Amino acid sequence: MSFWIYFFIIIGCLAVFFLVIAAIDSNRFIIQRYHFYSDQVTRDVRFVFLTDLHLKEYGKENENLLKEIRLLKPDFVLVGGDMMNAVSGADFSTAAAFLQKLADCYTIYYAYGNHEHRAKMQPEKYRNLWEKYSRAIQHANIIFLDDQSVELSNLNIRITGLSLERPYYKRWAKRILPEQYLEEKIGKSRENCFQILLAHNPEFFRDYAKWDPDLVLSGHIHGGVVRLPFLGGVIAPSMRLFPHYTGGIYHEFGHQMILGKGLGMHTIPIRIWNPGELVAVEIRKKKTED
């Protein structure tokens, strides 16, 4: 056989191989666990962090995802945004059903991603999608944090949700947060408690760290869509190749960020060597020496 026949056979085999990997990784999730020590919390605390579901289903109405969360027995659930899609006429019924069932068991603190924010800010463009979605998931145990904070006084934890405006999600260009942006949006970080910041876009972690949180939780990058050995995630939603932050734990100025790889897909609808990720976090009370 000629060189070109061999060439096209190899290309075809590689294409099939990557399609199989994509089909597998786009339809499974793993549990990623983290633990920290702090003398701020009143006792050991466990929570799960969900981000970037994008209407994805793992079993009917996400029954497989719900089962794993129940097995983890969290004290509460944090949502980092983009559970829905800002697409006019999008069917969010399965996501709403999942969140309703989850809220029957746990209190959910829900910060906005870029999809929730733009659906809320542009009701005419998205045909009142946010109003319909927020009504569908209305529940006493679902608390939205739109540039707002909540105090869990029994645990000595404060949770703050930052809602970045749409310009800070634009593609191609590098964005810079203005000085004092966080304080103007969400006030100052609280001292003498364990301060958690939910901030969807990890690109601004250095700015978040200067705000002085104990822990930042972000998403948005989808793990870089495709993950390569030694190189990590390949592409961000901003269309920048090999972004610095793609998934895992990062440190800046003595502060730490967990970047969840997300559970679903959107702009680039595949995942390769990059399954969905359910994040489980435990904050263990640091024992003080006598």
C-alpha atoms as a PDB file:
ATOM      1  CA  MET A   1       0.000   0.000   0.000  1.00  0.00           C
ATOM      2  CA  SER A   2       1.112   3.549  -0.671  1.00  0.00           C
ATOM      3  CA  PHE A   3       2.229   6.018   1.958  1.00  0.00           C
ATOM      4  CA  TRP A   4      -1.020   7.973   1.713  1.00  0.00           C
ATOM      5  CA  ILE A   5      -3.170   4.918   2.362  1.00  0.00           C
ATOM      6  CA  TYR A   6      -1.178   4.200   5.543  1.00  0.00           C
ATOM      7  CA  PHE A   7      -1.397   7.866   6.478  1.00  0.00           C
ATOM      8  CA  PHE A   8      -5.180   7.998   6.184  1.00  0.00           C
ATOM      9  CA  ILE A   9      -5.564   4.695   8.048  1.00  0.00           C
ATOM     10  CA  ILE A  10      -3.522   6.102  10.937  1.00  0.00           C
ATOM     11  CA  ILE A  11      -5.477   9.366  10.918  1.00  0.00           C
ATOM     12  CA  GLY A  12      -8.755   7.443  10.880  1.00  0.00           C
ATOM     13  CA  CYS A  13      -7.676   5.247  13.796  1.00  0.00           C
ATOM     14  CA  LEU A  14      -6.613   8.288  15.797  1.00  0.00           C
ATOM     15  CA  ALA A  15      -9.909  10.015  15.078  1.00  0.00           C
ATOM     16  CA  VAL A  16     -11.868   6.968  16.283  1.00  0.00           C
ATOM     17  CA  PHE A  17      -9.652   6.732  19.377  1.00  0.00           C
ATOM     18  CA  PHE A  18     -10.249  10.366  20.362  1.00  0.00           C
ATOM     19  CA  LEU A  19     -13.971  10.068  19.646  1.00  0.00           C
ATOM     20  CA  VAL A  20     -14.176   7.105  22.011  1.00  0.00           C
ATOM     21  CA  ILE A  21     -12.252   8.967  24.730  1.00  0.00           C
ATOM     22  CA  ALA A  22     -14.458  12.028  24.245  1.00  0.00           C
ATOM     23  CA  ALA A  23     -17.633   9.930  24.448  1.00  0.00           C
ATOM     24  CA  ILE A  24     -16.444   8.344  27.702  1.00  0.00           C
ATOM     25  CA  ASP A  25     -15.077  11.444  29.438  1.00  0.00           C
ATOM     26  CA  SER A  26     -17.980  13.644  28.361  1.00  0.00           C
ATOM     27  CA  ASN A  27     -20.395  11.333  30.154  1.00  0.00           C
ATOM     28  CA  ARG A  28     -18.706  10.520  33.452  1.00  0.00           C
ATOM     29  CA  PHE A  29     -17.547  12.385  36.516  1.00  0.00           C
ATOM     30  CA  ILE A  30     -15.060  11.798  39.292  1.00  0.00           C
ATOM     31  CA  ILE A  31     -14.930  12.998  42.899  1.00  0.00           C
ATOM     32  CA  GLN A  32     -12.005  15.296  43.696  1.00  0.00           C
ATOM     33  CA  ARG A  33     -11.324  15.667  47.424  1.00  0.00           C
ATOM     34  CA  TYR A  34      -9.494  18.424  49.272  1.00  0.00           C
ATOM     35  CA  HIS A  35      -8.950  19.048  52.948  1.00  0.00           C
ATOM     36  CA  PHE A  36      -7.644  22.013  54.917  1.00  0.00           C
ATOM     37  CA  TYR A  37      -6.933  22.821  58.553  1.00  0.00           C
ATOM     38  CA  SER A  38      -8.158  25.984  60.240  1.00  0.00           C
ATOM     39  CA  ASP A  39      -8.495  27.239  63.796  1.00  0.00           C
ATOM     40  CA  GLN A  40     -11.318  29.529  62.616  1.00  0.00           C
ATOM     41  CA  VAL A  41     -14.065  26.914  62.217  1.00  0.00           C
ATOM     42  CA  THR A  42     -15.918  25.694  65.297  1.00  0.00           C
ATOM     43  CA  ARG A  43     -15.801  22.053  64.182  1.00  0.00           C
ATOM     44  CA  ASP A  44     -14.890  19.871  61.222  1.00  0.00           C
ATOM     45  CA  VAL A  45     -16.949  20.934  58.198  1.00  0.00           C
ATOM     46  CA  ARG A  46     -17.630  19.125  54.935  1.00  0.00           C
ATOM     47  CA  PHE A  47     -19.200  20.609  51.807  1.00  0.00           C
ATOM     48  CA  VAL A  48     -19.446  19.871  48.102  1.00  0.00           C
ATOM     49  CA  PHE A  49     -18.774  22.371  45.342  1.00  0.00           C
ATOM     50  CA  LEU A  50     -20.689  22.218  42.055  1.00  0.00           C
ATOM     51  CA  THR A  51     -19.869  24.336  39.049  1.00  0.00           C
ATOM     52  CA  ASP A  52     -20.475  24.452  35.285  1.00  0.00           C
ATOM     53  CA  LEU A  53     -23.130  21.763  35.057  1.00  0.00           C
ATOM     54  CA  HIS A  54     -24.508  23.486  31.924  1.00  0.00           C
ATOM     55  CA  LEU A  55     -27.695  21.366  32.004  1.00  0.00           C
ATOM     56  CA  LYS A  56     -25.685  18.134  31.777  1.00  0.00           C
ATOM     57  CA  GLU A  57     -27.391  14.986  33.107  1.00  0.00           C
ATOM     58  CA  TYR A  58     -25.735  12.060  34.865  1.00  0.00           C
ATOM     59  CA  GLY A  59     -28.689   9.712  35.006  1.00  0.00           C
ATOM     60  CA  LYS A  60     -32.290  10.900  34.884  1.00  0.00           C
ATOM     61  CA  GLU A  61     -32.490  14.343  36.527  1.00  0.00           C
ATOM     62  CA  ASN A  62     -28.886  13.772  37.650  1.00  0.00           C
ATOM     63  CA  GLU A  63     -29.807  10.924  39.979  1.00  0.00           C
ATOM     64  CA  ASN A  64     -26.227   9.555  39.771  1.00  0.00           C
ATOM     65  CA  LEU A  65     -24.779  12.906  40.801  1.00  0.00           C
ATOM     66  CA  LEU A  66     -27.324  13.277  43.589  1.00  0.00           C
ATOM     67  CA  LYS A  67     -26.506   9.785  44.886  1.00  0.00           C
ATOM     68  CA  GLU A  68     -22.784  10.569  45.153  1.00  0.00           C
ATOM     69  CA  ILE A  69     -23.470  13.856  46.939  1.00  0.00           C
ATOM     70  CA  ARG A  70     -25.627  12.075  49.494  1.00  0.00           C
ATOM     71  CA  LEU A  71     -22.877   9.526  50.107  1.00  0.00           C
ATOM     72  CA  LEU A  72     -20.479  12.393  50.880  1.00  0.00           C
ATOM     73  CA  LYS A  73     -22.855  13.684  53.599  1.00  0.00           C
ATOM     74  CA  PRO A  74     -22.002  17.391  53.254  1.00  0.00           C
ATOM     75  CA  ASP A  75     -23.028  20.032  55.773  1.00  0.00           C
ATOM     76  CA  PHE A  76     -24.012  22.287  52.879  1.00  0.00           C
ATOM     77  CA  VAL A  77     -23.572  22.706  49.109  1.00  0.00           C
ATOM     78  CA  LEU A  78     -21.814  25.542  47.288  1.00  0.00           C
ATOM     79  CA  VAL A  79     -22.602  26.354  43.650  1.00  0.00           C
ATOM     80  CA  GLY A  80     -20.066  28.314  41.631  1.00  0.00           C
ATOM     81  CA  GLY A  81     -22.319  29.202  38.695  1.00  0.00           C
ATOM     82  CA  ASP A  82     -23.199  28.115  35.150  1.00  0.00           C
ATOM     83  CA  MET A  83     -25.585  25.387  36.194  1.00  0.00           C
ATOM     84  CA  MET A  84     -27.802  26.583  33.335  1.00  0.00           C
ATOM     85  CA  ASN A  85     -27.172  27.935  29.823  1.00  0.00           C
ATOM     86  CA  ALA A  86     -27.973  31.490  28.794  1.00  0.00           C
ATOM     87  CA  VAL A  87     -29.630  30.397  25.565  1.00  0.00           C
ATOM     88  CA  SER A  88     -33.067  31.690  24.654  1.00  0.00           C
ATOM     89  CA  GLY A  89     -35.588  28.883  25.014  1.00  0.00           C
ATOM     90  CA  ALA A  90     -33.154  26.542  26.823  1.00  0.00           C
ATOM     91  CA  ASP A  91     -34.842  23.628  28.600  1.00  0.00           C
ATOM     92  CA  PHE A  92     -33.611  23.867  32.184  1.00  0.00           C
ATOM     93  CA  SER A  93     -36.163  21.446  33.656  1.00  0.00           C
ATOM     94  CA  THR A  94     -33.661  18.685  34.456  1.00  0.00           C
ATOM     95  CA  ALA A  95     -31.285  21.111  36.218  1.00  0.00           C
ATOM     96  CA  ALA A  96     -34.206  22.598  38.143  1.00  0.00           C
ATOM     97  CA  ALA A  97     -35.416  19.157  39.226  1.00  0.00           C
ATOM     98  CA  PHE A  98     -31.913  18.225  40.371  1.00  0.00           C
ATOM     99  CA  LEU A  99     -31.471  21.433  42.398  1.00  0.00           C
ATOM    100  CA  GLN A 100     -34.899  21.055  43.963  1.00  0.00           C
ATOM    101  CA  LYS A 101     -34.103  17.500  45.087  1.00  0.00           C
ATOM    102  CA  LEU A 102     -30.709  18.599  46.353  1.00  0.00           C
ATOM    103  CA  ALA A 103     -32.281  21.479  48.297  1.00  0.00           C
ATOM    104  CA  ASP A 104     -34.669  19.047  49.980  1.00  0.00           C
ATOM    105  CA  CYS A 105     -31.578  17.594  51.698  1.00  0.00           C
ATOM    106  CA  TYR A 106     -29.077  20.460  52.003  1.00  0.00           C
ATOM    107  CA  THR A 107     -28.831  24.222  52.084  1.00  0.00           C
ATOM    108  CA  ILE A 108     -27.392  25.469  48.780  1.00  0.00           C
ATOM    109  CA  TYR A 109     -25.446  28.733  48.500  1.00  0.00           C
ATOM    110  CA  TYR A 110     -25.549  29.670  44.830  1.00  0.00           C
ATOM    111  CA  ALA A 111     -23.205  32.254  43.263  1.00  0.00           C
ATOM    112  CA  TYR A 112     -23.597  33.432  39.674  1.00  0.00           C
ATOM    113  CA  GLY A 113     -21.502  32.380  36.713  1.00  0.00           C
ATOM    114  CA  ASN A 114     -21.409  34.278  33.441  1.00  0.00           C
ATOM    115  CA  HIS A 115     -24.504  32.456  32.159  1.00  0.00           C
ATOM    116  CA  GLU A 116     -26.677  33.320  35.168  1.00  0.00           C
ATOM    117  CA  HIS A 117     -25.415  36.894  35.181  1.00  0.00           C
ATOM    118  CA  ARG A 118     -26.066  37.650  31.534  1.00  0.00           C
ATOM    119  CA  ALA A 119     -29.449  35.905  31.569  1.00  0.00           C
ATOM    120  CA  LYS A 120     -30.449  38.112  34.503  1.00  0.00           C
ATOM    121  CA  MET A 121     -29.031  41.336  33.056  1.00  0.00           C
ATOM    122  CA  GLN A 122     -30.478  40.847  29.543  1.00  0.00           C
ATOM    123  CA  PRO A 123     -34.048  39.624  30.058  1.00  0.00           C
ATOM    124  CA  GLU A 124     -35.255  40.816  26.648  1.00  0.00           C
ATOM    125  CA  LYS A 125     -32.498  39.036  24.744  1.00  0.00           C
ATOM    126  CA  TYR A 126     -33.059  35.750  26.597  1.00  0.00           C
ATOM    127  CA  ARG A 127     -36.860  36.014  26.819  1.00  0.00           C
ATOM    128  CA  ASN A 128     -36.971  36.294  30.614  1.00  0.00           C
ATOM    129  CA  LEU A 129     -34.951  33.107  30.969  1.00  0.00           C
ATOM    130  CA  TRP A 130     -33.531  34.079  34.355  1.00  0.00           C
ATOM    131  CA  GLU A 131     -36.950  34.878  35.803  1.00  0.00           C
ATOM    132  CA  LYS A 132     -38.259  31.490  34.647  1.00  0.00           C
ATOM    133  CA  TYR A 133     -35.200  29.593  35.830  1.00  0.00           C
ATOM    134  CA  SER A 134     -34.975  31.263  39.245  1.00  0.00           C
ATOM    135  CA  ARG A 135     -38.694  30.667  39.760  1.00  0.00           C
ATOM    136  CA  ALA A 136     -38.302  26.995  38.829  1.00  0.00           C
ATOM    137  CA  ILE A 137     -35.564  26.469  41.423  1.00  0.00           C
ATOM    138  CA  GLN A 138     -37.130  28.616  44.123  1.00  0.00           C
ATOM    139  CA  HIS A 139     -36.711  26.800  47.415  1.00  0.00           C
ATOM    140  CA  ALA A 140     -36.259  27.837  51.038  1.00  0.00           C
ATOM    141  CA  ASN A 141     -32.864  26.105  51.023  1.00  0.00           C
ATOM    142  CA  ILE A 142     -31.496  27.763  47.857  1.00  0.00           C
ATOM    143  CA  ILE A 143     -29.824  31.059  48.726  1.00  0.00           C
ATOM    144  CA  PHE A 144     -28.474  33.216  45.883  1.00  0.00           C
ATOM    145  CA  LEU A 145     -25.296  35.180  46.533  1.00  0.00           C
ATOM    146  CA  ASP A 146     -25.298  37.938  43.913  1.00  0.00           C
ATOM    147  CA  ASP A 147     -22.523  40.179  45.264  1.00  0.00           C
ATOM    148  CA  GLN A 148     -23.786  39.147  48.676  1.00  0.00           C
ATOM    149  CA  SER A 149     -22.548  37.296  51.740  1.00  0.00           C
ATOM    150  CA  VAL A 150     -24.038  34.932  54.276  1.00  0.00           C
ATOM    151  CA  GLU A 151     -22.807  34.141  57.772  1.00  0.00           C
ATOM    152  CA  LEU A 152     -22.869  30.584  59.086  1.00  0.00           C
ATOM    153  CA  SER A 153     -22.424  31.667  62.683  1.00  0.00           C
ATOM    154  CA  ASN A 154     -22.629  28.155  64.135  1.00  0.00           C
ATOM    155  CA  LEU A 155     -19.577  27.190  62.023  1.00  0.00           C
ATOM    156  CA  ASN A 156     -17.862  30.620  62.035  1.00  0.00           C
ATOM    157  CA  ILE A 157     -17.845  30.584  58.221  1.00  0.00           C
ATOM    158  CA  ARG A 158     -18.711  33.463  55.901  1.00  0.00           C
ATOM    159  CA  ILE A 159     -19.533  32.790  52.248  1.00  0.00           C
ATOM    160  CA  THR A 160     -19.408  35.590  49.674  1.00  0.00           C
ATOM    161  CA  GLY A 161     -20.530  35.369  46.059  1.00  0.00           C
ATOM    162  CA  LEU A 162     -18.935  37.697  43.498  1.00  0.00           C
ATOM    163  CA  SER A 163     -20.839  38.402  40.272  1.00  0.00           C
ATOM    164  CA  LEU A 164     -18.415  39.563  37.595  1.00  0.00           C
ATOM    165  CA  GLU A 165     -19.868  41.664  34.792  1.00  0.00           C
ATOM    166  CA  ARG A 166     -19.856  40.377  31.240  1.00  0.00           C
ATOM    167  CA  PRO A 167     -16.779  42.382  30.042  1.00  0.00           C
ATOM    168  CA  TYR A 168     -14.642  40.252  32.368  1.00  0.00           C
ATOM    169  CA  TYR A 169     -15.599  37.149  30.418  1.00  0.00           C
ATOM    170  CA  LYS A 170     -14.835  38.447  26.914  1.00  0.00           C
ATOM    171  CA  ARG A 171     -12.875  36.176  24.617  1.00  0.00           C
ATOM    172  CA  TRP A 172      -9.418  36.672  23.137  1.00  0.00           C
ATOM    173  CA  ALA A 173      -8.344  39.758  25.154  1.00  0.00           C
ATOM    174  CA  LYS A 174      -6.676  39.759  28.563  1.00  0.00           C
ATOM    175  CA  ARG A 175      -8.829  41.535  31.144  1.00  0.00           C
ATOM    176  CA  ILE A 176      -7.754  43.529  34.222  1.00  0.00           C
ATOM    177  CA  LEU A 177      -9.886  44.220  37.293  1.00  0.00           C
ATOM    178  CA  PRO A 178      -9.833  47.857  38.431  1.00  0.00           C
ATOM    179  CA  GLU A 179      -8.223  48.573  41.788  1.00  0.00           C
ATOM    180  CA  GLN A 180     -10.717  48.340  44.668  1.00  0.00           C
ATOM    181  CA  TYR A 181     -13.140  46.460  42.389  1.00  0.00           C
ATOM    182  CA  LEU A 182     -13.861  43.703  44.901  1.00  0.00           C
ATOM    183  CA  GLU A 183     -14.373  46.015  47.851  1.00  0.00           C
ATOM    184  CA  GLU A 184     -16.743  48.194  45.839  1.00  0.00           C
ATOM    185  CA  LYS A 185     -18.741  45.122  44.778  1.00  0.00           C
ATOM    186  CA  ILE A 186     -18.759  42.979  47.906  1.00  0.00           C
ATOM    187  CA  GLY A 187     -17.230  45.036  50.694  1.00  0.00           C
ATOM    188  CA  LYS A 188     -14.259  43.910  52.754  1.00  0.00           C
ATOM    189  CA  SER A 189     -13.303  40.369  53.637  1.00  0.00           C
ATOM    190  CA  ARG A 190     -14.354  39.416  57.158  1.00  0.00           C
ATOM    191  CA  GLU A 191     -11.669  38.740  59.722  1.00  0.00           C
ATOM    192  CA  ASN A 192     -11.912  36.261  62.609  1.00  0.00           C
ATOM    193  CA  CYS A 193     -13.898  33.753  60.596  1.00  0.00           C
ATOM    194  CA  PHE A 194     -13.249  31.324  57.732  1.00  0.00           C
ATOM    195  CA  GLN A 195     -13.968  33.478  54.674  1.00  0.00           C
ATOM    196  CA  ILE A 196     -14.948  31.680  51.465  1.00  0.00           C
ATOM    197  CA  LEU A 197     -15.144  33.579  48.171  1.00  0.00           C
ATOM    198  CA  LEU A 198     -17.160  32.121  45.293  1.00  0.00           C
ATOM    199  CA  ALA A 199     -15.796  33.793  42.155  1.00  0.00           C
ATOM    200  CA  HIS A 200     -16.597  32.063  38.876  1.00  0.00           C
ATOM    201  CA  ASN A 201     -13.695  33.228  36.705  1.00  0.00           C
ATOM    202  CA  PRO A 202     -10.297  32.093  38.113  1.00  0.00           C
ATOM    203  CA  GLU A 203      -8.355  34.413  35.805  1.00  0.00           C
ATOM    204  CA  PHE A 204      -8.399  37.081  38.524  1.00  0.00           C
ATOM    205  CA  PHE A 205      -7.135  34.914  41.374  1.00  0.00           C
ATOM    206  CA  ARG A 206      -4.332  37.351  42.215  1.00  0.00           C
ATOM    207  CA  ASP A 207      -6.981  40.057  42.763  1.00  0.00           C
ATOM    208  CA  TYR A 208      -9.133  37.674  44.808  1.00  0.00           C
ATOM    209  CA  ALA A 209      -6.135  36.762  46.970  1.00  0.00           C
ATOM    210  CA  LYS A 210      -5.476  40.431  47.769  1.00  0.00           C
ATOM    211  CA  TRP A 211      -9.060  40.644  49.070  1.00  0.00           C
ATOM    212  CA  ASP A 212      -7.843  38.272  51.828  1.00  0.00           C
ATOM    213  CA  PRO A 213     -10.156  35.216  51.720  1.00  0.00           C
ATOM    214  CA  ASP A 214      -9.265  31.934  53.397  1.00  0.00           C
ATOM    215  CA  LEU A 215     -10.435  29.984  50.349  1.00  0.00           C
ATOM    216  CA  VAL A 216     -11.477  30.896  46.803  1.00  0.00           C
ATOM    217  CA  LEU A 217     -13.684  28.560  44.775  1.00  0.00           C
ATOM    218  CA  SER A 218     -13.828  29.029  40.987  1.00  0.00           C
ATOM    219  CA  GLY A 219     -14.858  27.200  37.815  1.00  0.00           C
ATOM    220  CA  HIS A 220     -15.521  28.430  34.264  1.00  0.00           C
ATOM    221  CA  ILE A 221     -12.468  26.830  32.566  1.00  0.00           C
ATOM    222  CA  HIS A 222     -13.947  23.305  32.271  1.00  0.00           C
ATOM    223  CA  GLY A 223     -10.533  21.854  33.075  1.00  0.00           C
ATOM    224  CA  GLY A 224      -9.202  23.199  29.792  1.00  0.00           C
ATOM    225  CA  VAL A 225     -11.550  20.926  27.769  1.00  0.00           C
ATOM    226  CA  VAL A 226      -8.672  18.604  26.745  1.00  0.00           C
ATOM    227  CA  ARG A 227      -5.952  17.734  29.265  1.00  0.00           C
ATOM    228  CA  LEU A 228      -2.502  16.654  28.126  1.00  0.00           C
ATOM    229  CA  PRO A 229       0.275  15.029  30.202  1.00  0.00           C
ATOM    230  CA  PHE A 230       2.686  17.614  31.660  1.00  0.00           C
ATOM    231  CA  LEU A 231       0.844  20.454  29.865  1.00  0.00           C
ATOM    232  CA  GLY A 232      -2.548  20.370  31.602  1.00  0.00           C
ATOM    233  CA  GLY A 233      -5.631  22.011  30.130  1.00  0.00           C
ATOM    234  CA  VAL A 234      -5.458  23.085  26.496  1.00  0.00           C
ATOM    235  CA  ILE A 235      -8.003  25.881  26.022  1.00  0.00           C
ATOM    236  CA  ALA A 236     -10.124  28.248  28.118  1.00  0.00           C
ATOM    237  CA  PRO A 237     -13.571  29.678  27.236  1.00  0.00           C
ATOM    238  CA  SER A 238     -11.714  32.915  26.477  1.00  0.00           C
ATOM    239  CA  MET A 239     -10.082  30.923  23.614  1.00  0.00           C
ATOM    240  CA  ARG A 240      -6.641  31.374  25.129  1.00  0.00           C
ATOM    241  CA  LEU A 241      -4.422  28.315  24.714  1.00  0.00           C
ATOM    242  CA  PHE A 242      -2.826  26.628  27.733  1.00  0.00           C
ATOM    243  CA  PRO A 243      -4.211  29.045  30.335  1.00  0.00           C
ATOM    244  CA  HIS A 244      -2.364  29.292  33.632  1.00  0.00           C
ATOM    245  CA  TYR A 245      -5.378  28.221  35.719  1.00  0.00           C
ATOM    246  CA  THR A 246      -7.168  25.108  34.462  1.00  0.00           C
ATOM    247  CA  GLY A 247      -8.012  22.937  37.459  1.00  0.00           C
ATOM    248  CA  GLY A 248      -6.792  21.885  40.882  1.00  0.00           C
ATOM    249  CA  ILE A 249      -5.418  23.960  43.743  1.00  0.00           C
ATOM    250  CA  TYR A 250      -3.413  27.169  43.375  1.00  0.00           C
ATOM    251  CA  HIS A 251      -1.675  29.555  45.776  1.00  0.00           C
ATOM    252  CA  GLU A 252      -1.105  33.315  45.570  1.00  0.00           C
ATOM    253  CA  PHE A 253       0.039  35.700  48.325  1.00  0.00           C
ATOM    254  CA  GLY A 254      -0.458  32.997  50.944  1.00  0.00           C
ATOM    255  CA  HIS A 255      -4.047  32.295  49.833  1.00  0.00           C
ATOM    256  CA  GLN A 256      -5.492  29.285  48.057  1.00  0.00           C
ATOM    257  CA  MET A 257      -7.976  28.641  45.287  1.00  0.00           C
ATOM    258  CA  ILE A 258      -9.737  25.432  44.340  1.00  0.00           C
ATOM    259  CA  LEU A 259     -10.531  25.510  40.645  1.00  0.00           C
ATOM    260  CA  GLY A 260     -13.210  22.940  39.877  1.00  0.00           C
ATOM    261  CA  LYS A 261     -13.057  21.379  36.428  1.00  0.00           C
ATOM    262  CA  GLY A 262     -16.840  21.527  36.175  1.00  0.00           C
ATOM    263  CA  LEU A 263     -19.444  18.922  35.357  1.00  0.00           C
ATOM    264  CA  GLY A 264     -20.683  19.864  31.913  1.00  0.00           C
ATOM    265  CA  MET A 265     -19.748  21.443  28.599  1.00  0.00           C
ATOM    266  CA  HIS A 266     -20.801  24.448  26.605  1.00  0.00           C
ATOM    267  CA  THR A 267     -18.716  26.437  24.086  1.00  0.00           C
ATOM    268  CA  ILE A 268     -16.603  23.400  23.137  1.00  0.00           C
ATOM    269  CA  PRO A 269     -18.977  20.452  23.728  1.00  0.00           C
ATOM    270  CA  ILE A 270     -16.435  17.712  24.510  1.00  0.00           C
ATOM    271  CA  ARG A 271     -14.118  16.600  27.301  1.00  0.00           C
ATOM    272  CA  ILE A 272     -10.975  14.531  26.596  1.00  0.00           C
ATOM    273  CA  TRP A 273      -8.875  13.012  29.404  1.00  0.00           C
ATOM    274  CA  ASN A 274     -10.910  15.405  31.495  1.00  0.00           C
ATOM    275  CA  PRO A 275     -14.038  13.881  33.066  1.00  0.00           C
ATOM    276  CA  GLY A 276     -16.543  15.998  34.936  1.00  0.00           C
ATOM    277  CA  GLU A 277     -15.615  16.785  38.516  1.00  0.00           C
ATOM    278  CA  LEU A 278     -17.571  16.815  41.753  1.00  0.00           C
ATOM    279  CA  VAL A 279     -15.478  18.646  44.376  1.00  0.00           C
ATOM    280  CA  ALA A 280     -15.644  17.562  48.018  1.00  0.00           C
ATOM    281  CA  VAL A 281     -13.965  19.808  50.597  1.00  0.00           C
ATOM    282  CA  GLU A 282     -13.331  19.185  54.273  1.00  0.00           C
ATOM    283  CA  ILE A 283     -12.167  21.912  56.641  1.00  0.00           C
ATOM    284  CA  ARG A 284     -10.765  20.257  59.719  1.00  0.00           C
ATOM    285  CA  LYS A 285     -10.594  22.193  62.948  1.00  0.00           C
ATOM    286  CA  LYS A 286      -6.990  22.819  63.791  1.00  0.00           C
ATOM    287  CA  LYS A 287      -6.224  21.773  67.332  1.00  0.00           C
ATOM    288  CA  THR A 288      -4.564  24.536  69.307  1.00  0.00           C
ATOM    289  CA  GLU A 289      -1.643  23.642  71.523  1.00  0.00           C
ATOM    290  CA  ASP A 290      -2.052  23.996  75.264  1.00  0.00           C
END
